Amino acid sequence: MTALLVAAANGHLGIVSWLVQVGKAEVGRVDAEGKTAVRLAAASGHAAVVRWLVEHAGAQEPEPGDWGEAGEDEDEEDEEDEEEDEEDGDDDDDDEDEEEDEDEEEGGQPREQSAPAA
């Protein structure tokens, strides 16, 4: 399987878009079972990846029978997170920033991270 097929099947929209735009990945490539990235994304219920591949990479819309259990409505929250990350240039969870803020509020100083035991 190619990196694009794996990323699409696992719903990694940022990686999918990078592979297509920068890496020039071939959207029409298929896996051993003849499934394209858009079909693999649909089978796993990753609607945001499917939508991006269709709208930005020229992939063919999946058939209604291609959709997995989660269907077409999953990933709306993930897509919103991706859009927010693209806007602020941040691709990690905002929860980590909140935890750091809470740590600073408790004692006025950020907690020191202990080094892992060797």
PDB file of N, CA and C in Angstrom:
ATOM      1  N   MET A   1       0.842  -1.190   0.000  1.00  0.00           N
ATOM      2  CA  MET A   1       0.000   0.000   0.000  1.00  0.00           C
ATOM      3  C   MET A   1       0.883   1.247   0.000  1.00  0.00           C
ATOM      4  N   THR A   2       0.390   2.282  -0.645  1.00  0.00           N
ATOM      5  CA  THR A   2       1.138   3.535  -0.686  1.00  0.00           C
ATOM      6  C   THR A   2       0.833   4.364   0.560  1.00  0.00           C
ATOM      7  N   ALA A   3       1.647   5.369   0.790  1.00  0.00           N
ATOM      8  CA  ALA A   3       1.433   6.264   1.935  1.00  0.00           C
ATOM      9  C   ALA A   3       0.078   6.954   1.826  1.00  0.00           C
ATOM     10  N   LEU A   4      -0.316   7.336   0.619  1.00  0.00           N
ATOM     11  CA  LEU A   4      -1.611   7.990   0.432  1.00  0.00           C
ATOM     12  C   LEU A   4      -2.755   7.062   0.813  1.00  0.00           C
ATOM     13  N   LEU A   5      -2.685   5.821   0.409  1.00  0.00           N
ATOM     14  CA  LEU A   5      -3.747   4.872   0.739  1.00  0.00           C
ATOM     15  C   LEU A   5      -3.845   4.666   2.245  1.00  0.00           C
ATOM     16  N   VAL A   6      -2.713   4.557   2.915  1.00  0.00           N
ATOM     17  CA  VAL A   6      -2.707   4.363   4.371  1.00  0.00           C
ATOM     18  C   VAL A   6      -3.263   5.600   5.079  1.00  0.00           C
ATOM     19  N   ALA A   7      -2.808   6.775   4.668  1.00  0.00           N
ATOM     20  CA  ALA A   7      -3.284   8.015   5.296  1.00  0.00           C
ATOM     21  C   ALA A   7      -4.774   8.203   5.090  1.00  0.00           C
ATOM     22  N   ALA A   8      -5.262   7.927   3.897  1.00  0.00           N
ATOM     23  CA  ALA A   8      -6.691   8.074   3.613  1.00  0.00           C
ATOM     24  C   ALA A   8      -7.516   7.085   4.425  1.00  0.00           C
ATOM     25  N   ALA A   9      -7.081   5.839   4.492  1.00  0.00           N
ATOM     26  CA  ALA A   9      -7.806   4.809   5.232  1.00  0.00           C
ATOM     27  C   ALA A   9      -7.879   5.129   6.718  1.00  0.00           C
ATOM     28  N   ASN A  10      -6.863   5.861   7.224  1.00  0.00           N
ATOM     29  CA  ASN A  10      -6.824   6.188   8.649  1.00  0.00           C
ATOM     30  C   ASN A  10      -7.318   7.592   8.959  1.00  0.00           C
ATOM     31  N   GLY A  11      -7.783   8.320   7.943  1.00  0.00           N
ATOM     32  CA  GLY A  11      -8.404   9.622   8.163  1.00  0.00           C
ATOM     33  C   GLY A  11      -7.454  10.765   8.439  1.00  0.00           C
ATOM     34  N   HIS A  12      -6.213  10.670   7.986  1.00  0.00           N
ATOM     35  CA  HIS A  12      -5.225  11.719   8.230  1.00  0.00           C
ATOM     36  C   HIS A  12      -5.271  12.764   7.111  1.00  0.00           C
ATOM     37  N   LEU A  13      -6.201  13.687   7.233  1.00  0.00           N
ATOM     38  CA  LEU A  13      -6.436  14.679   6.186  1.00  0.00           C
ATOM     39  C   LEU A  13      -5.210  15.524   5.884  1.00  0.00           C
ATOM     40  N   GLY A  14      -4.501  15.973   6.896  1.00  0.00           N
ATOM     41  CA  GLY A  14      -3.311  16.788   6.681  1.00  0.00           C
ATOM     42  C   GLY A  14      -2.251  16.051   5.881  1.00  0.00           C
ATOM     43  N   ILE A  15      -2.067  14.780   6.182  1.00  0.00           N
ATOM     44  CA  ILE A  15      -1.080  13.976   5.463  1.00  0.00           C
ATOM     45  C   ILE A  15      -1.549  13.725   4.037  1.00  0.00           C
ATOM     46  N   VAL A  16      -2.839  13.433   3.878  1.00  0.00           N
ATOM     47  CA  VAL A  16      -3.390  13.204   2.540  1.00  0.00           C
ATOM     48  C   VAL A  16      -3.167  14.428   1.662  1.00  0.00           C
ATOM     49  N   SER A  17      -3.516  15.605   2.188  1.00  0.00           N
ATOM     50  CA  SER A  17      -3.373  16.819   1.377  1.00  0.00           C
ATOM     51  C   SER A  17      -1.902  17.094   1.063  1.00  0.00           C
ATOM     52  N   TRP A  18      -1.011  16.858   2.023  1.00  0.00           N
ATOM     53  CA  TRP A  18       0.416  17.073   1.777  1.00  0.00           C
ATOM     54  C   TRP A  18       0.936  16.109   0.718  1.00  0.00           C
ATOM     55  N   LEU A  19       0.575  14.828   0.832  1.00  0.00           N
ATOM     56  CA  LEU A  19       1.043  13.837  -0.132  1.00  0.00           C
ATOM     57  C   LEU A  19       0.594  14.167  -1.553  1.00  0.00           C
ATOM     58  N   VAL A  20      -0.627  14.677  -1.687  1.00  0.00           N
ATOM     59  CA  VAL A  20      -1.151  15.000  -3.015  1.00  0.00           C
ATOM     60  C   VAL A  20      -0.533  16.292  -3.540  1.00  0.00           C
ATOM     61  N   GLN A  21      -0.505  17.326  -2.702  1.00  0.00           N
ATOM     62  CA  GLN A  21      -0.044  18.631  -3.166  1.00  0.00           C
ATOM     63  C   GLN A  21       1.471  18.721  -3.292  1.00  0.00           C
ATOM     64  N   VAL A  22       2.183  18.250  -2.315  1.00  0.00           N
ATOM     65  CA  VAL A  22       3.635  18.380  -2.296  1.00  0.00           C
ATOM     66  C   VAL A  22       4.309  17.125  -2.860  1.00  0.00           C
ATOM     67  N   GLY A  23       3.853  15.978  -2.413  1.00  0.00           N
ATOM     68  CA  GLY A  23       4.458  14.727  -2.836  1.00  0.00           C
ATOM     69  C   GLY A  23       3.978  14.233  -4.186  1.00  0.00           C
ATOM     70  N   LYS A  24       2.966  14.896  -4.720  1.00  0.00           N
ATOM     71  CA  LYS A  24       2.411  14.531  -6.030  1.00  0.00           C
ATOM     72  C   LYS A  24       1.967  13.068  -6.083  1.00  0.00           C
ATOM     73  N   ALA A  25       1.370  12.601  -4.972  1.00  0.00           N
ATOM     74  CA  ALA A  25       0.865  11.227  -4.918  1.00  0.00           C
ATOM     75  C   ALA A  25      -0.245  11.041  -5.950  1.00  0.00           C
ATOM     76  N   GLU A  26      -0.293   9.866  -6.522  1.00  0.00           N
ATOM     77  CA  GLU A  26      -1.294   9.550  -7.529  1.00  0.00           C
ATOM     78  C   GLU A  26      -2.594   9.117  -6.855  1.00  0.00           C
ATOM     79  N   VAL A  27      -3.635   9.921  -7.024  1.00  0.00           N
ATOM     80  CA  VAL A  27      -4.921   9.669  -6.381  1.00  0.00           C
ATOM     81  C   VAL A  27      -5.583   8.411  -6.937  1.00  0.00           C
ATOM     82  N   GLY A  28      -5.293   8.046  -8.151  1.00  0.00           N
ATOM     83  CA  GLY A  28      -5.928   6.896  -8.780  1.00  0.00           C
ATOM     84  C   GLY A  28      -5.286   5.550  -8.479  1.00  0.00           C
ATOM     85  N   ARG A  29      -4.181   5.541  -7.741  1.00  0.00           N
ATOM     86  CA  ARG A  29      -3.524   4.262  -7.401  1.00  0.00           C
ATOM     87  C   ARG A  29      -4.461   3.409  -6.556  1.00  0.00           C
ATOM     88  N   VAL A  30      -4.352   2.097  -6.677  1.00  0.00           N
ATOM     89  CA  VAL A  30      -5.222   1.181  -5.942  1.00  0.00           C
ATOM     90  C   VAL A  30      -4.403   0.234  -5.073  1.00  0.00           C
ATOM     91  N   ASP A  31      -5.069  -0.313  -4.054  1.00  0.00           N
ATOM     92  CA  ASP A  31      -4.423  -1.307  -3.203  1.00  0.00           C
ATOM     93  C   ASP A  31      -4.570  -2.695  -3.837  1.00  0.00           C
ATOM     94  N   ALA A  32      -4.200  -3.729  -3.115  1.00  0.00           N
ATOM     95  CA  ALA A  32      -4.248  -5.100  -3.638  1.00  0.00           C
ATOM     96  C   ALA A  32      -5.674  -5.545  -3.970  1.00  0.00           C
ATOM     97  N   GLU A  33      -6.651  -4.901  -3.347  1.00  0.00           N
ATOM     98  CA  GLU A  33      -8.059  -5.245  -3.593  1.00  0.00           C
ATOM     99  C   GLU A  33      -8.706  -4.321  -4.617  1.00  0.00           C
ATOM    100  N   GLY A  34      -7.911  -3.423  -5.203  1.00  0.00           N
ATOM    101  CA  GLY A  34      -8.438  -2.519  -6.223  1.00  0.00           C
ATOM    102  C   GLY A  34      -9.142  -1.284  -5.690  1.00  0.00           C
ATOM    103  N   LYS A  35      -8.921  -0.961  -4.409  1.00  0.00           N
ATOM    104  CA  LYS A  35      -9.576   0.209  -3.804  1.00  0.00           C
ATOM    105  C   LYS A  35      -8.672   1.426  -3.865  1.00  0.00           C
ATOM    106  N   THR A  36      -9.260   2.559  -4.224  1.00  0.00           N
ATOM    107  CA  THR A  36      -8.531   3.823  -4.266  1.00  0.00           C
ATOM    108  C   THR A  36      -8.537   4.462  -2.884  1.00  0.00           C
ATOM    109  N   ALA A  37      -7.784   5.542  -2.742  1.00  0.00           N
ATOM    110  CA  ALA A  37      -7.726   6.274  -1.470  1.00  0.00           C
ATOM    111  C   ALA A  37      -9.107   6.766  -1.059  1.00  0.00           C
ATOM    112  N   VAL A  38      -9.877   7.273  -2.007  1.00  0.00           N
ATOM    113  CA  VAL A  38     -11.199   7.799  -1.664  1.00  0.00           C
ATOM    114  C   VAL A  38     -12.133   6.672  -1.207  1.00  0.00           C
ATOM    115  N   ARG A  39     -12.027   5.505  -1.810  1.00  0.00           N
ATOM    116  CA  ARG A  39     -12.867   4.376  -1.390  1.00  0.00           C
ATOM    117  C   ARG A  39     -12.450   3.866  -0.015  1.00  0.00           C
ATOM    118  N   LEU A  40     -11.136   3.845   0.248  1.00  0.00           N
ATOM    119  CA  LEU A  40     -10.658   3.412   1.564  1.00  0.00           C
ATOM    120  C   LEU A  40     -11.101   4.390   2.649  1.00  0.00           C
ATOM    121  N   ALA A  41     -11.025   5.682   2.353  1.00  0.00           N
ATOM    122  CA  ALA A  41     -11.469   6.695   3.320  1.00  0.00           C
ATOM    123  C   ALA A  41     -12.962   6.557   3.586  1.00  0.00           C
ATOM    124  N   ALA A  42     -13.732   6.349   2.534  1.00  0.00           N
ATOM    125  CA  ALA A  42     -15.181   6.194   2.685  1.00  0.00           C
ATOM    126  C   ALA A  42     -15.508   4.942   3.500  1.00  0.00           C
ATOM    127  N   ALA A  43     -14.817   3.838   3.216  1.00  0.00           N
ATOM    128  CA  ALA A  43     -15.064   2.586   3.930  1.00  0.00           C
ATOM    129  C   ALA A  43     -14.794   2.730   5.421  1.00  0.00           C
ATOM    130  N   SER A  44     -13.861   3.624   5.775  1.00  0.00           N
ATOM    131  CA  SER A  44     -13.535   3.859   7.182  1.00  0.00           C
ATOM    132  C   SER A  44     -14.346   5.000   7.774  1.00  0.00           C
ATOM    133  N   GLY A  45     -15.203   5.624   6.960  1.00  0.00           N
ATOM    134  CA  GLY A  45     -16.076   6.691   7.453  1.00  0.00           C
ATOM    135  C   GLY A  45     -15.424   8.049   7.568  1.00  0.00           C
ATOM    136  N   HIS A  46     -14.333   8.282   6.855  1.00  0.00           N
ATOM    137  CA  HIS A  46     -13.611   9.549   6.951  1.00  0.00           C
ATOM    138  C   HIS A  46     -14.109  10.533   5.890  1.00  0.00           C
ATOM    139  N   ALA A  47     -15.247  11.140   6.185  1.00  0.00           N
ATOM    140  CA  ALA A  47     -15.924  12.013   5.224  1.00  0.00           C
ATOM    141  C   ALA A  47     -15.082  13.222   4.827  1.00  0.00           C
ATOM    142  N   ALA A  48     -14.331  13.787   5.750  1.00  0.00           N
ATOM    143  CA  ALA A  48     -13.517  14.964   5.443  1.00  0.00           C
ATOM    144  C   ALA A  48     -12.431  14.618   4.421  1.00  0.00           C
ATOM    145  N   VAL A  49     -11.838  13.448   4.552  1.00  0.00           N
ATOM    146  CA  VAL A  49     -10.809  13.013   3.606  1.00  0.00           C
ATOM    147  C   VAL A  49     -11.437  12.776   2.241  1.00  0.00           C
ATOM    148  N   VAL A  50     -12.593  12.115   2.219  1.00  0.00           N
ATOM    149  CA  VAL A  50     -13.292  11.872   0.961  1.00  0.00           C
ATOM    150  C   VAL A  50     -13.610  13.189   0.276  1.00  0.00           C
ATOM    151  N   ARG A  51     -14.186  14.106   1.036  1.00  0.00           N
ATOM    152  CA  ARG A  51     -14.572  15.410   0.491  1.00  0.00           C
ATOM    153  C   ARG A  51     -13.353  16.141  -0.084  1.00  0.00           C
ATOM    154  N   TRP A  52     -12.232  16.128   0.648  1.00  0.00           N
ATOM    155  CA  TRP A  52     -11.029  16.815   0.172  1.00  0.00           C
ATOM    156  C   TRP A  52     -10.514  16.173  -1.117  1.00  0.00           C
ATOM    157  N   LEU A  53     -10.449  14.842  -1.148  1.00  0.00           N
ATOM    158  CA  LEU A  53      -9.959  14.157  -2.338  1.00  0.00           C
ATOM    159  C   LEU A  53     -10.827  14.448  -3.558  1.00  0.00           C
ATOM    160  N   VAL A  54     -12.132  14.512  -3.360  1.00  0.00           N
ATOM    161  CA  VAL A  54     -13.040  14.789  -4.471  1.00  0.00           C
ATOM    162  C   VAL A  54     -12.919  16.246  -4.918  1.00  0.00           C
ATOM    163  N   GLU A  55     -12.922  17.170  -3.949  1.00  0.00           N
ATOM    164  CA  GLU A  55     -12.936  18.597  -4.278  1.00  0.00           C
ATOM    165  C   GLU A  55     -11.578  19.149  -4.717  1.00  0.00           C
ATOM    166  N   HIS A  56     -10.500  18.651  -4.150  1.00  0.00           N
ATOM    167  CA  HIS A  56      -9.186  19.240  -4.407  1.00  0.00           C
ATOM    168  C   HIS A  56      -8.250  18.378  -5.248  1.00  0.00           C
ATOM    169  N   ALA A  57      -8.512  17.077  -5.305  1.00  0.00           N
ATOM    170  CA  ALA A  57      -7.593  16.195  -6.021  1.00  0.00           C
ATOM    171  C   ALA A  57      -8.241  15.521  -7.234  1.00  0.00           C
ATOM    172  N   GLY A  58      -9.491  15.829  -7.472  1.00  0.00           N
ATOM    173  CA  GLY A  58     -10.168  15.284  -8.644  1.00  0.00           C
ATOM    174  C   GLY A  58     -10.542  13.819  -8.536  1.00  0.00           C
ATOM    175  N   ALA A  59     -10.607  13.293  -7.312  1.00  0.00           N
ATOM    176  CA  ALA A  59     -10.993  11.896  -7.130  1.00  0.00           C
ATOM    177  C   ALA A  59     -12.476  11.731  -7.452  1.00  0.00           C
ATOM    178  N   GLN A  60     -12.819  10.534  -7.880  1.00  0.00           N
ATOM    179  CA  GLN A  60     -14.210  10.237  -8.191  1.00  0.00           C
ATOM    180  C   GLN A  60     -14.990  10.025  -6.898  1.00  0.00           C
ATOM    181  N   GLU A  61     -16.181  10.577  -6.845  1.00  0.00           N
ATOM    182  CA  GLU A  61     -17.074  10.432  -5.680  1.00  0.00           C
ATOM    183  C   GLU A  61     -17.301   8.939  -5.418  1.00  0.00           C
ATOM    184  N   PRO A  62     -17.203   8.508  -4.147  1.00  0.00           N
ATOM    185  CA  PRO A  62     -17.437   7.089  -3.865  1.00  0.00           C
ATOM    186  C   PRO A  62     -18.910   6.721  -4.054  1.00  0.00           C
ATOM    187  N   GLU A  63     -19.157   5.466  -4.327  1.00  0.00           N
ATOM    188  CA  GLU A  63     -20.524   4.966  -4.462  1.00  0.00           C
ATOM    189  C   GLU A  63     -21.155   4.886  -3.070  1.00  0.00           C
ATOM    190  N   PRO A  64     -22.487   4.964  -2.978  1.00  0.00           N
ATOM    191  CA  PRO A  64     -23.137   4.864  -1.649  1.00  0.00           C
ATOM    192  C   PRO A  64     -22.751   3.589  -0.898  1.00  0.00           C
ATOM    193  N   GLY A  65     -22.514   2.501  -1.582  1.00  0.00           N
ATOM    194  CA  GLY A  65     -22.133   1.246  -0.932  1.00  0.00           C
ATOM    195  C   GLY A  65     -20.701   1.222  -0.430  1.00  0.00           C
ATOM    196  N   ASP A  66     -19.904   2.236  -0.791  1.00  0.00           N
ATOM    197  CA  ASP A  66     -18.511   2.304  -0.350  1.00  0.00           C
ATOM    198  C   ASP A  66     -18.380   2.776   1.091  1.00  0.00           C
ATOM    199  N   TRP A  67     -19.412   3.424   1.624  1.00  0.00           N
ATOM    200  CA  TRP A  67     -19.329   4.024   2.957  1.00  0.00           C
ATOM    201  C   TRP A  67     -19.383   2.960   4.037  1.00  0.00           C
ATOM    202  N   GLY A  68     -18.525   3.120   5.034  1.00  0.00           N
ATOM    203  CA  GLY A  68     -18.486   2.210   6.179  1.00  0.00           C
ATOM    204  C   GLY A  68     -19.552   2.577   7.202  1.00  0.00           C
ATOM    205  N   GLU A  69     -19.426   2.013   8.385  1.00  0.00           N
ATOM    206  CA  GLU A  69     -20.419   2.200   9.443  1.00  0.00           C
ATOM    207  C   GLU A  69     -20.643   3.650   9.821  1.00  0.00           C
ATOM    208  N   ALA A  70     -19.570   4.429   9.941  1.00  0.00           N
ATOM    209  CA  ALA A  70     -19.703   5.814  10.392  1.00  0.00           C
ATOM    210  C   ALA A  70     -20.433   6.667   9.367  1.00  0.00           C
ATOM    211  N   GLY A  71     -20.356   6.288   8.113  1.00  0.00           N
ATOM    212  CA  GLY A  71     -21.095   6.998   7.080  1.00  0.00           C
ATOM    213  C   GLY A  71     -20.534   8.357   6.763  1.00  0.00           C
ATOM    214  N   GLU A  72     -21.352   9.155   6.121  1.00  0.00           N
ATOM    215  CA  GLU A  72     -20.888  10.418   5.587  1.00  0.00           C
ATOM    216  C   GLU A  72     -20.828  11.545   6.614  1.00  0.00           C
ATOM    217  N   ASP A  73     -21.417  11.369   7.808  1.00  0.00           N
ATOM    218  CA  ASP A  73     -21.496  12.472   8.756  1.00  0.00           C
ATOM    219  C   ASP A  73     -20.314  12.543   9.706  1.00  0.00           C
ATOM    220  N   GLU A  74     -19.527  11.448   9.850  1.00  0.00           N
ATOM    221  CA  GLU A  74     -18.379  11.471  10.748  1.00  0.00           C
ATOM    222  C   GLU A  74     -17.331  12.427  10.203  1.00  0.00           C
ATOM    223  N   ASP A  75     -16.455  12.852  11.028  1.00  0.00           N
ATOM    224  CA  ASP A  75     -15.318  13.705  10.667  1.00  0.00           C
ATOM    225  C   ASP A  75     -15.647  15.186  10.582  1.00  0.00           C
ATOM    226  N   GLU A  76     -16.900  15.601  10.810  1.00  0.00           N
ATOM    227  CA  GLU A  76     -17.188  17.030  10.743  1.00  0.00           C
ATOM    228  C   GLU A  76     -16.389  17.767  11.812  1.00  0.00           C
ATOM    229  N   GLU A  77     -16.315  17.189  13.021  1.00  0.00           N
ATOM    230  CA  GLU A  77     -15.540  17.808  14.091  1.00  0.00           C
ATOM    231  C   GLU A  77     -14.062  17.791  13.746  1.00  0.00           C
ATOM    232  N   ASP A  78     -13.565  16.669  13.183  1.00  0.00           N
ATOM    233  CA  ASP A  78     -12.164  16.581  12.787  1.00  0.00           C
ATOM    234  C   ASP A  78     -11.837  17.610  11.718  1.00  0.00           C
ATOM    235  N   GLU A  79     -12.765  17.813  10.780  1.00  0.00           N
ATOM    236  CA  GLU A  79     -12.533  18.780   9.719  1.00  0.00           C
ATOM    237  C   GLU A  79     -12.441  20.192  10.293  1.00  0.00           C
ATOM    238  N   GLU A  80     -13.314  20.511  11.279  1.00  0.00           N
ATOM    239  CA  GLU A  80     -13.263  21.822  11.909  1.00  0.00           C
ATOM    240  C   GLU A  80     -11.929  22.014  12.615  1.00  0.00           C
ATOM    241  N   ASP A  81     -11.433  20.975  13.301  1.00  0.00           N
ATOM    242  CA  ASP A  81     -10.140  21.053  13.975  1.00  0.00           C
ATOM    243  C   ASP A  81      -9.029  21.286  12.967  1.00  0.00           C
ATOM    244  N   GLU A  82      -9.066  20.570  11.826  1.00  0.00           N
ATOM    245  CA  GLU A  82      -8.049  20.741  10.781  1.00  0.00           C
ATOM    246  C   GLU A  82      -8.057  22.172  10.262  1.00  0.00           C
ATOM    247  N   GLU A  83      -9.268  22.732  10.049  1.00  0.00           N
ATOM    248  CA  GLU A  83      -9.362  24.097   9.535  1.00  0.00           C
ATOM    249  C   GLU A  83      -8.789  25.089  10.543  1.00  0.00           C
ATOM    250  N   GLU A  84      -9.099  24.879  11.844  1.00  0.00           N
ATOM    251  CA  GLU A  84      -8.563  25.757  12.876  1.00  0.00           C
ATOM    252  C   GLU A  84      -7.044  25.662  12.908  1.00  0.00           C
ATOM    253  N   ASP A  85      -6.517  24.437  12.802  1.00  0.00           N
ATOM    254  CA  ASP A  85      -5.076  24.243  12.817  1.00  0.00           C
ATOM    255  C   ASP A  85      -4.414  24.942  11.639  1.00  0.00           C
ATOM    256  N   GLU A  86      -5.040  24.854  10.463  1.00  0.00           N
ATOM    257  CA  GLU A  86      -4.480  25.514   9.288  1.00  0.00           C
ATOM    258  C   GLU A  86      -4.464  27.030   9.479  1.00  0.00           C
ATOM    259  N   GLU A  87      -5.510  27.571  10.137  1.00  0.00           N
ATOM    260  CA  GLU A  87      -5.589  29.011  10.338  1.00  0.00           C
ATOM    261  C   GLU A  87      -4.522  29.516  11.299  1.00  0.00           C
ATOM    262  N   ASP A  88      -4.300  28.762  12.394  1.00  0.00           N
ATOM    263  CA  ASP A  88      -3.333  29.236  13.386  1.00  0.00           C
ATOM    264  C   ASP A  88      -1.969  28.577  13.273  1.00  0.00           C
ATOM    265  N   GLY A  89      -1.803  27.713  12.279  1.00  0.00           N
ATOM    266  CA  GLY A  89      -0.511  27.064  12.063  1.00  0.00           C
ATOM    267  C   GLY A  89      -0.174  26.040  13.128  1.00  0.00           C
ATOM    268  N   ASP A  90      -1.155  25.611  13.888  1.00  0.00           N
ATOM    269  CA  ASP A  90      -0.949  24.690  14.982  1.00  0.00           C
ATOM    270  C   ASP A  90      -1.598  23.369  14.638  1.00  0.00           C
ATOM    271  N   ASP A  91      -0.827  22.280  14.665  1.00  0.00           N
ATOM    272  CA  ASP A  91      -1.416  21.006  14.322  1.00  0.00           C
ATOM    273  C   ASP A  91      -1.487  20.052  15.499  1.00  0.00           C
ATOM    274  N   ASP A  92      -1.226  20.560  16.699  1.00  0.00           N
ATOM    275  CA  ASP A  92      -1.364  19.702  17.855  1.00  0.00           C
ATOM    276  C   ASP A  92      -2.595  20.081  18.646  1.00  0.00           C
ATOM    277  N   ASP A  93      -2.905  19.287  19.655  1.00  0.00           N
ATOM    278  CA  ASP A  93      -4.106  19.503  20.441  1.00  0.00           C
ATOM    279  C   ASP A  93      -4.011  20.771  21.261  1.00  0.00           C
ATOM    280  N   ASP A  94      -5.090  21.533  21.284  1.00  0.00           N
ATOM    281  CA  ASP A  94      -5.126  22.741  22.085  1.00  0.00           C
ATOM    282  C   ASP A  94      -5.219  22.415  23.573  1.00  0.00           C
ATOM    283  N   ASP A  95      -5.576  21.168  23.916  1.00  0.00           N
ATOM    284  CA  ASP A  95      -5.684  20.773  25.314  1.00  0.00           C
ATOM    285  C   ASP A  95      -4.353  20.901  26.027  1.00  0.00           C
ATOM    286  N   GLU A  96      -3.248  20.637  25.330  1.00  0.00           N
ATOM    287  CA  GLU A  96      -1.931  20.730  25.954  1.00  0.00           C
ATOM    288  C   GLU A  96      -1.658  22.155  26.409  1.00  0.00           C
ATOM    289  N   ASP A  97      -2.053  23.143  25.602  1.00  0.00           N
ATOM    290  CA  ASP A  97      -1.860  24.539  25.975  1.00  0.00           C
ATOM    291  C   ASP A  97      -2.669  24.879  27.212  1.00  0.00           C
ATOM    292  N   GLU A  98      -3.900  24.341  27.301  1.00  0.00           N
ATOM    293  CA  GLU A  98      -4.745  24.598  28.458  1.00  0.00           C
ATOM    294  C   GLU A  98      -4.126  24.001  29.704  1.00  0.00           C
ATOM    295  N   GLU A  99      -3.554  22.793  29.603  1.00  0.00           N
ATOM    296  CA  GLU A  99      -2.921  22.160  30.753  1.00  0.00           C
ATOM    297  C   GLU A  99      -1.754  22.993  31.250  1.00  0.00           C
ATOM    298  N   GLU A 100      -0.959  23.541  30.335  1.00  0.00           N
ATOM    299  CA  GLU A 100       0.169  24.377  30.735  1.00  0.00           C
ATOM    300  C   GLU A 100      -0.326  25.623  31.451  1.00  0.00           C
ATOM    301  N   ASP A 101      -1.416  26.226  30.964  1.00  0.00           N
ATOM    302  CA  ASP A 101      -1.984  27.406  31.609  1.00  0.00           C
ATOM    303  C   ASP A 101      -2.450  27.075  33.016  1.00  0.00           C
ATOM    304  N   GLU A 102      -3.094  25.895  33.195  1.00  0.00           N
ATOM    305  CA  GLU A 102      -3.559  25.493  34.517  1.00  0.00           C
ATOM    306  C   GLU A 102      -2.382  25.295  35.462  1.00  0.00           C
ATOM    307  N   ASP A 103      -1.303  24.693  34.972  1.00  0.00           N
ATOM    308  CA  ASP A 103      -0.123  24.476  35.792  1.00  0.00           C
ATOM    309  C   ASP A 103       0.441  25.800  36.284  1.00  0.00           C
ATOM    310  N   GLU A 104       0.497  26.786  35.407  1.00  0.00           N
ATOM    311  CA  GLU A 104       1.047  28.081  35.779  1.00  0.00           C
ATOM    312  C   GLU A 104       0.160  28.776  36.795  1.00  0.00           C
ATOM    313  N   GLU A 105      -1.172  28.600  36.684  1.00  0.00           N
ATOM    314  CA  GLU A 105      -2.096  29.238  37.616  1.00  0.00           C
ATOM    315  C   GLU A 105      -1.942  28.672  39.017  1.00  0.00           C
ATOM    316  N   GLU A 106      -1.676  27.370  39.137  1.00  0.00           N
ATOM    317  CA  GLU A 106      -1.593  26.735  40.440  1.00  0.00           C
ATOM    318  C   GLU A 106      -0.451  27.278  41.284  1.00  0.00           C
ATOM    319  N   GLY A 107       0.729  27.387  40.742  1.00  0.00           N
ATOM    320  CA  GLY A 107       1.850  27.794  41.555  1.00  0.00           C
ATOM    321  C   GLY A 107       2.590  28.996  41.010  1.00  0.00           C
ATOM    322  N   GLY A 108       2.100  29.582  39.962  1.00  0.00           N
ATOM    323  CA  GLY A 108       2.746  30.735  39.378  1.00  0.00           C
ATOM    324  C   GLY A 108       3.890  30.386  38.449  1.00  0.00           C
ATOM    325  N   GLN A 109       4.386  29.162  38.530  1.00  0.00           N
ATOM    326  CA  GLN A 109       5.486  28.722  37.681  1.00  0.00           C
ATOM    327  C   GLN A 109       5.065  27.441  36.973  1.00  0.00           C
ATOM    328  N   PRO A 110       5.520  27.263  35.747  1.00  0.00           N
ATOM    329  CA  PRO A 110       5.218  25.993  35.075  1.00  0.00           C
ATOM    330  C   PRO A 110       5.921  24.845  35.777  1.00  0.00           C
ATOM    331  N   ARG A 111       5.258  23.699  35.786  1.00  0.00           N
ATOM    332  CA  ARG A 111       5.861  22.515  36.396  1.00  0.00           C
ATOM    333  C   ARG A 111       7.017  22.043  35.545  1.00  0.00           C
ATOM    334  N   GLU A 112       8.054  21.551  36.209  1.00  0.00           N
ATOM    335  CA  GLU A 112       9.189  21.011  35.479  1.00  0.00           C
ATOM    336  C   GLU A 112       8.877  19.592  35.092  1.00  0.00           C
ATOM    337  N   GLN A 113       9.270  19.229  33.904  1.00  0.00           N
ATOM    338  CA  GLN A 113       9.095  17.860  33.416  1.00  0.00           C
ATOM    339  C   GLN A 113      10.278  17.041  33.917  1.00  0.00           C
ATOM    340  N   SER A 114      10.010  15.887  34.513  1.00  0.00           N
ATOM    341  CA  SER A 114      11.107  15.051  34.968  1.00  0.00           C
ATOM    342  C   SER A 114      11.634  14.246  33.786  1.00  0.00           C
ATOM    343  N   ALA A 115      12.911  14.015  33.788  1.00  0.00           N
ATOM    344  CA  ALA A 115      13.539  13.247  32.723  1.00  0.00           C
ATOM    345  C   ALA A 115      13.186  11.779  32.891  1.00  0.00           C
ATOM    346  N   PRO A 116      12.976  11.073  31.782  1.00  0.00           N
ATOM    347  CA  PRO A 116      12.659   9.641  31.908  1.00  0.00           C
ATOM    348  C   PRO A 116      13.850   8.888  32.495  1.00  0.00           C
ATOM    349  N   ALA A 117      13.519   7.860  33.279  1.00  0.00           N
ATOM    350  CA  ALA A 117      14.560   7.051  33.910  1.00  0.00           C
ATOM    351  C   ALA A 117      15.274   6.234  32.839  1.00  0.00           C
ATOM    352  N   ALA A 118      16.582   6.157  32.959  1.00  0.00           N
ATOM    353  CA  ALA A 118      17.370   5.413  31.947  1.00  0.00           C
ATOM    354  C   ALA A 118      17.468   3.966  32.278  1.00  0.00           C
TER     355      ALA A 118
END
